Amino acid sequence: MKRLMIAASLFLAAGLLPGTIEAQKKSIPATRLTPAQQAPNTLSVEEARDGWKLLWNGKDTEGWRGAKLQAFPEKGWRIEDGLLKVEKGNGGESTNGGDIITTKKYRNFILKVDFKITEGANSGIKYFVNPDLNKGEGSAIGCEFQILDDEKHPDAKLGVMGNRKLASLYDLIPAPEDKPFRKGEFNTAMVIVKGNHVEHWLNGTKILEYDRNNMMWKALVNYSKYRNWPNFGNAEEGYILLQDHGDEVWFKNIKIKELP
């Protein structure tokens, strides 16, 4: 209870407690082609002109490797019909094929990932990842856009004030309850990083935002599971990660636009 009250005070002080979606909703400039009209794992003319690049080509493992490997995992991941799939395992964290990361580090960017979860699934999209921090069991360390079936996975009831639910900054800042999630369909996660300012978006709606490398960030980290990792979340750059948490999850249209 004490931890819950302290965390709530920190969220309030930083303006991080989520309000309603309508209060936070902002629009994203639309391209001429809707996602349904555009071929998967491709860039539109407008996207290419605007500086977007594909992080995954929809065909092979180019640009990715295991977080704790020098090559792509030999099991646990499958490419099928333009989808990158995490295969079903035992539900453990990074115990089947293991997490995968980009072969390049990123600093300032807009990242978009389409994802679809199966019933009861758990996964995540991490950024500012340093795979050298955790050489033991479990996932590589980085800030996480949580991917979760809030209704069926037990992790939704853990943490503080819902900060392990879908679209949350995992174990740090909760997403609002009325987020625009489409059950049984593909959803679009977006992470925007500009210096120390970070935003999480879901299906065109801003879910949360925060600033790192300050005292409030340090206080939040100190009341999270990341408190023992040195300088957590403050790196200038890092890898992007897709998480194997032992559940089947599908990814496509993984795109990034690097910012100055």
Protein backbone atom coordinates (compact mmCIF):
# COMPACT_ATOMS: atom_id res chain seq x y z
CA MET A 1 0.00 0.00 0.00
CA LYS A 2 2.85 2.38 0.84
CA ARG A 3 4.45 1.73 -2.54
CA LEU A 4 1.11 2.35 -4.25
CA MET A 5 0.63 5.70 -2.49
CA ILE A 6 4.17 6.86 -3.23
CA ALA A 7 3.86 5.89 -6.88
CA ALA A 8 0.54 7.74 -7.17
CA SER A 9 2.13 10.85 -5.68
CA LEU A 10 4.96 10.63 -8.19
CA PHE A 11 2.56 10.25 -11.11
CA LEU A 12 0.52 13.24 -9.94
CA ALA A 13 3.58 15.42 -9.39
CA ALA A 14 4.82 14.69 -12.88
CA GLY A 15 1.41 15.01 -14.50
CA LEU A 16 1.71 11.38 -15.58
CA LEU A 17 -1.54 9.91 -14.32
CA PRO A 18 -3.59 9.27 -17.46
CA GLY A 19 -6.86 11.07 -17.95
CA THR A 20 -9.51 10.16 -20.47
CA ILE A 21 -8.55 9.37 -24.04
CA GLU A 22 -10.57 12.33 -25.31
CA ALA A 23 -8.49 14.66 -23.18
CA GLN A 24 -5.27 13.30 -24.67
CA LYS A 25 -6.36 12.63 -28.22
CA LYS A 26 -4.40 14.27 -31.02
CA SER A 27 -4.33 13.52 -34.70
CA ILE A 28 -1.47 12.10 -36.76
CA PRO A 29 -1.06 13.45 -40.30
CA ALA A 30 -2.54 10.84 -42.62
CA THR A 31 -0.94 9.54 -45.80
CA ARG A 32 -2.98 9.24 -48.98
CA LEU A 33 -3.20 5.46 -48.71
CA THR A 34 -4.93 3.94 -45.73
CA PRO A 35 -3.21 0.95 -44.05
CA ALA A 36 -5.85 -1.33 -45.58
CA GLN A 37 -5.05 -0.05 -49.07
CA GLN A 38 -1.26 -0.22 -48.76
CA ALA A 39 0.62 -3.48 -49.23
CA PRO A 40 2.04 -4.74 -45.91
CA ASN A 41 5.69 -4.17 -45.08
CA THR A 42 6.08 -1.46 -47.71
CA LEU A 43 6.50 2.30 -47.69
CA SER A 44 4.13 4.62 -49.45
CA VAL A 45 5.54 7.30 -51.72
CA GLU A 46 4.73 9.87 -49.03
CA GLU A 47 6.45 7.85 -46.30
CA ALA A 48 9.61 7.36 -48.35
CA ARG A 49 9.69 11.05 -49.20
CA ASP A 50 9.24 11.90 -45.51
CA GLY A 51 12.24 9.82 -44.44
CA TRP A 52 10.59 6.62 -43.20
CA LYS A 53 12.46 3.31 -43.49
CA LEU A 54 11.37 -0.29 -43.04
CA LEU A 55 12.87 -2.01 -40.02
CA TRP A 56 11.60 -5.35 -41.30
CA ASN A 57 11.17 -6.23 -44.98
CA GLY A 58 8.49 -8.89 -44.45
CA LYS A 59 10.60 -11.62 -46.05
CA ASP A 60 13.67 -12.51 -44.00
CA THR A 61 15.61 -11.65 -40.83
CA GLU A 62 17.77 -8.89 -42.31
CA GLY A 63 18.42 -6.12 -39.79
CA TRP A 64 17.62 -8.25 -36.72
CA ARG A 65 19.46 -10.61 -34.38
CA GLY A 66 18.88 -12.30 -31.05
CA ALA A 67 19.29 -9.96 -28.09
CA LYS A 68 21.78 -12.41 -26.57
CA LEU A 69 22.98 -13.88 -29.86
CA GLN A 70 25.08 -12.71 -32.77
CA ALA A 71 22.58 -14.20 -35.24
CA PHE A 72 18.81 -14.50 -35.48
CA PRO A 73 17.31 -17.19 -33.20
CA GLU A 74 17.03 -20.62 -34.81
CA LYS A 75 13.72 -21.31 -33.06
CA GLY A 76 10.84 -19.45 -31.47
CA TRP A 77 10.25 -17.00 -34.33
CA ARG A 78 8.59 -17.63 -37.69
CA ILE A 79 8.11 -15.58 -40.86
CA GLU A 80 4.85 -16.45 -42.57
CA ASP A 81 2.65 -14.60 -45.08
CA GLY A 82 4.31 -11.25 -44.39
CA LEU A 83 4.04 -11.64 -40.62
CA LEU A 84 6.80 -11.93 -38.04
CA LYS A 85 5.46 -14.30 -35.41
CA VAL A 86 6.56 -15.08 -31.89
CA GLU A 87 5.78 -18.77 -31.50
CA LYS A 88 3.95 -20.17 -28.50
CA GLY A 89 6.27 -21.33 -25.74
CA ASN A 90 5.83 -21.94 -22.03
CA GLY A 91 4.84 -18.36 -21.22
CA GLY A 92 8.25 -17.57 -19.77
CA GLU A 93 10.21 -14.40 -20.42
CA SER A 94 12.71 -14.91 -23.25
CA THR A 95 12.76 -18.70 -22.73
CA ASN A 96 11.82 -19.95 -26.19
CA GLY A 97 13.55 -18.21 -29.10
CA GLY A 98 14.49 -15.22 -26.99
CA ASP A 99 14.06 -11.52 -27.71
CA ILE A 100 15.22 -10.02 -31.00
CA ILE A 101 16.82 -6.61 -31.47
CA THR A 102 17.74 -4.38 -34.39
CA THR A 103 21.34 -4.56 -35.59
CA LYS A 104 21.49 -0.76 -35.40
CA LYS A 105 21.09 1.61 -32.47
CA TYR A 106 18.66 4.54 -32.58
CA ARG A 107 18.64 7.91 -30.80
CA ASN A 108 15.77 10.20 -31.89
CA PHE A 109 12.97 8.60 -33.86
CA ILE A 110 9.34 7.80 -34.55
CA LEU A 111 8.75 4.05 -34.43
CA LYS A 112 5.59 2.34 -35.70
CA VAL A 113 4.79 -1.33 -35.20
CA ASP A 114 1.58 -3.15 -36.09
CA PHE A 115 0.89 -5.99 -33.64
CA LYS A 116 -1.82 -8.56 -33.03
CA ILE A 117 -2.08 -10.59 -29.84
CA THR A 118 -3.59 -13.99 -29.30
CA GLU A 119 -5.80 -14.61 -26.28
CA GLY A 120 -3.93 -14.16 -22.99
CA ALA A 121 -0.72 -13.07 -24.71
CA ASN A 122 2.17 -11.02 -23.33
CA SER A 123 4.94 -9.30 -25.30
CA GLY A 124 6.49 -5.87 -25.65
CA ILE A 125 8.34 -3.35 -27.77
CA LYS A 126 11.45 -2.03 -26.05
CA TYR A 127 13.71 0.91 -26.88
CA PHE A 128 16.96 2.29 -25.43
CA VAL A 129 17.87 -1.39 -25.07
CA ASN A 130 21.33 -2.36 -23.85
CA PRO A 131 21.69 -6.15 -24.31
CA ASP A 132 24.89 -6.16 -22.27
CA LEU A 133 23.08 -5.16 -19.07
CA ASN A 134 21.40 -8.51 -18.48
CA LYS A 135 23.55 -11.51 -19.35
CA GLY A 136 21.44 -13.89 -17.26
CA GLU A 137 17.89 -15.16 -17.52
CA GLY A 138 15.01 -13.01 -18.65
CA SER A 139 14.57 -10.23 -21.15
CA ALA A 140 17.09 -7.62 -22.25
CA ILE A 141 16.81 -4.32 -20.40
CA GLY A 142 15.15 -1.24 -21.88
CA CYS A 143 12.07 0.97 -21.71
CA GLU A 144 9.00 -1.00 -22.78
CA PHE A 145 5.77 -0.28 -24.62
CA GLN A 146 3.77 -3.07 -23.03
CA ILE A 147 1.82 -5.46 -25.25
CA LEU A 148 -0.70 -7.47 -23.23
CA ASP A 149 -4.14 -9.01 -23.15
CA ASP A 150 -5.37 -6.96 -20.20
CA GLU A 151 -8.42 -9.16 -19.73
CA LYS A 152 -6.73 -12.56 -19.69
CA HIS A 153 -3.07 -12.16 -18.68
CA PRO A 154 -2.31 -12.03 -14.92
CA ASP A 155 0.39 -9.36 -15.34
CA ALA A 156 -2.38 -6.78 -15.87
CA LYS A 157 -3.21 -7.02 -12.16
CA LEU A 158 0.38 -6.63 -10.99
CA GLY A 159 2.58 -3.56 -10.77
CA VAL A 160 1.18 -0.23 -9.52
CA MET A 161 -2.07 1.40 -10.68
CA GLY A 162 -2.18 -0.59 -13.90
CA ASN A 163 1.32 0.23 -15.09
CA ARG A 164 1.76 -3.23 -16.59
CA LYS A 165 -1.26 -3.02 -18.89
CA LEU A 166 -1.30 -2.56 -22.65
CA ALA A 167 0.49 0.56 -23.96
CA SER A 168 1.87 1.44 -20.51
CA LEU A 169 5.50 2.30 -20.00
CA TYR A 170 5.98 -1.07 -18.37
CA ASP A 171 6.15 -0.97 -14.55
CA LEU A 172 6.58 2.81 -14.61
CA ILE A 173 3.65 4.79 -16.06
CA PRO A 174 0.13 3.39 -16.59
CA ALA A 175 -1.90 3.77 -19.76
CA PRO A 176 -5.52 4.95 -19.42
CA GLU A 177 -8.20 2.30 -19.11
CA ASP A 178 -10.22 3.55 -22.11
CA LYS A 179 -7.44 3.23 -24.66
CA PRO A 180 -8.47 2.55 -28.29
CA PHE A 181 -7.53 -1.13 -28.54
CA ARG A 182 -9.07 -3.34 -31.24
CA LYS A 183 -9.39 -6.86 -29.84
CA GLY A 184 -8.63 -9.64 -32.32
CA GLU A 185 -7.25 -7.19 -34.89
CA PHE A 186 -3.96 -5.53 -35.72
CA ASN A 187 -3.21 -2.41 -33.69
CA THR A 188 -0.52 0.21 -34.27
CA ALA A 189 1.93 1.06 -31.52
CA MET A 190 3.96 4.22 -31.96
CA VAL A 191 6.85 5.51 -29.88
CA ILE A 192 8.22 9.02 -30.40
CA VAL A 193 11.62 9.91 -28.93
CA LYS A 194 13.04 13.41 -29.14
CA GLY A 195 15.94 13.86 -26.76
CA ASN A 196 14.66 13.15 -23.26
CA HIS A 197 10.99 13.46 -24.21
CA VAL A 198 9.12 10.25 -25.06
CA GLU A 199 5.52 9.54 -26.11
CA HIS A 200 3.48 6.33 -26.44
CA TRP A 201 0.67 6.27 -29.01
CA LEU A 202 -1.89 3.57 -29.81
CA ASN A 203 -3.96 3.60 -33.01
CA GLY A 204 -3.39 7.32 -33.58
CA THR A 205 -4.11 8.40 -30.00
CA LYS A 206 -1.47 9.66 -27.60
CA ILE A 207 -1.58 7.44 -24.53
CA LEU A 208 1.16 8.91 -22.33
CA GLU A 209 4.29 11.04 -22.39
CA TYR A 210 7.23 11.52 -20.08
CA ASP A 211 10.67 13.06 -19.71
CA ARG A 212 13.72 11.12 -18.59
CA ASN A 213 17.14 12.12 -17.27
CA ASN A 214 15.66 14.18 -14.44
CA MET A 215 14.83 13.76 -10.76
CA MET A 216 11.22 12.75 -11.36
CA TRP A 217 12.34 10.01 -13.74
CA LYS A 218 14.86 8.79 -11.17
CA ALA A 219 12.13 8.66 -8.52
CA LEU A 220 9.83 6.65 -10.79
CA VAL A 221 12.60 4.18 -11.59
CA ASN A 222 13.44 3.81 -7.89
CA TYR A 223 9.90 2.53 -7.25
CA SER A 224 9.97 0.07 -10.15
CA LYS A 225 11.52 -3.32 -10.95
CA TYR A 226 14.31 -1.45 -12.76
CA ARG A 227 15.72 0.29 -9.69
CA ASN A 228 18.80 -1.94 -9.52
CA TRP A 229 19.82 -1.42 -13.15
CA PRO A 230 22.38 1.44 -13.37
CA ASN A 231 21.14 4.64 -15.07
CA PHE A 232 18.08 2.87 -16.41
CA GLY A 233 16.38 4.55 -19.38
CA ASN A 234 18.84 7.43 -19.64
CA ALA A 235 21.01 6.24 -22.54
CA GLU A 236 21.38 8.57 -25.51
CA GLU A 237 20.77 5.68 -27.90
CA GLY A 238 19.96 1.99 -27.91
CA TYR A 239 18.55 -0.96 -29.82
CA ILE A 240 14.89 -1.60 -30.52
CA LEU A 241 13.56 -4.95 -29.28
CA LEU A 242 10.60 -7.25 -29.90
CA GLN A 243 9.95 -9.49 -26.94
CA ASP A 244 9.53 -13.23 -26.67
CA HIS A 245 7.38 -13.82 -23.60
CA GLY A 246 6.30 -17.34 -24.51
CA ASP A 247 3.02 -16.32 -26.16
CA GLU A 248 2.06 -16.11 -29.82
CA VAL A 249 2.09 -12.52 -31.06
CA TRP A 250 2.22 -11.24 -34.65
CA PHE A 251 4.10 -8.20 -35.98
CA LYS A 252 4.16 -6.41 -39.33
CA ASN A 253 4.71 -2.93 -40.81
CA ILE A 254 7.69 -2.18 -38.57
CA LYS A 255 8.85 1.29 -39.62
CA ILE A 256 11.07 4.03 -38.29
CA LYS A 257 11.74 7.66 -39.06
CA GLU A 258 14.94 9.00 -37.55
CA LEU A 259 14.74 12.54 -36.22
CA PRO A 260 17.52 15.10 -35.99
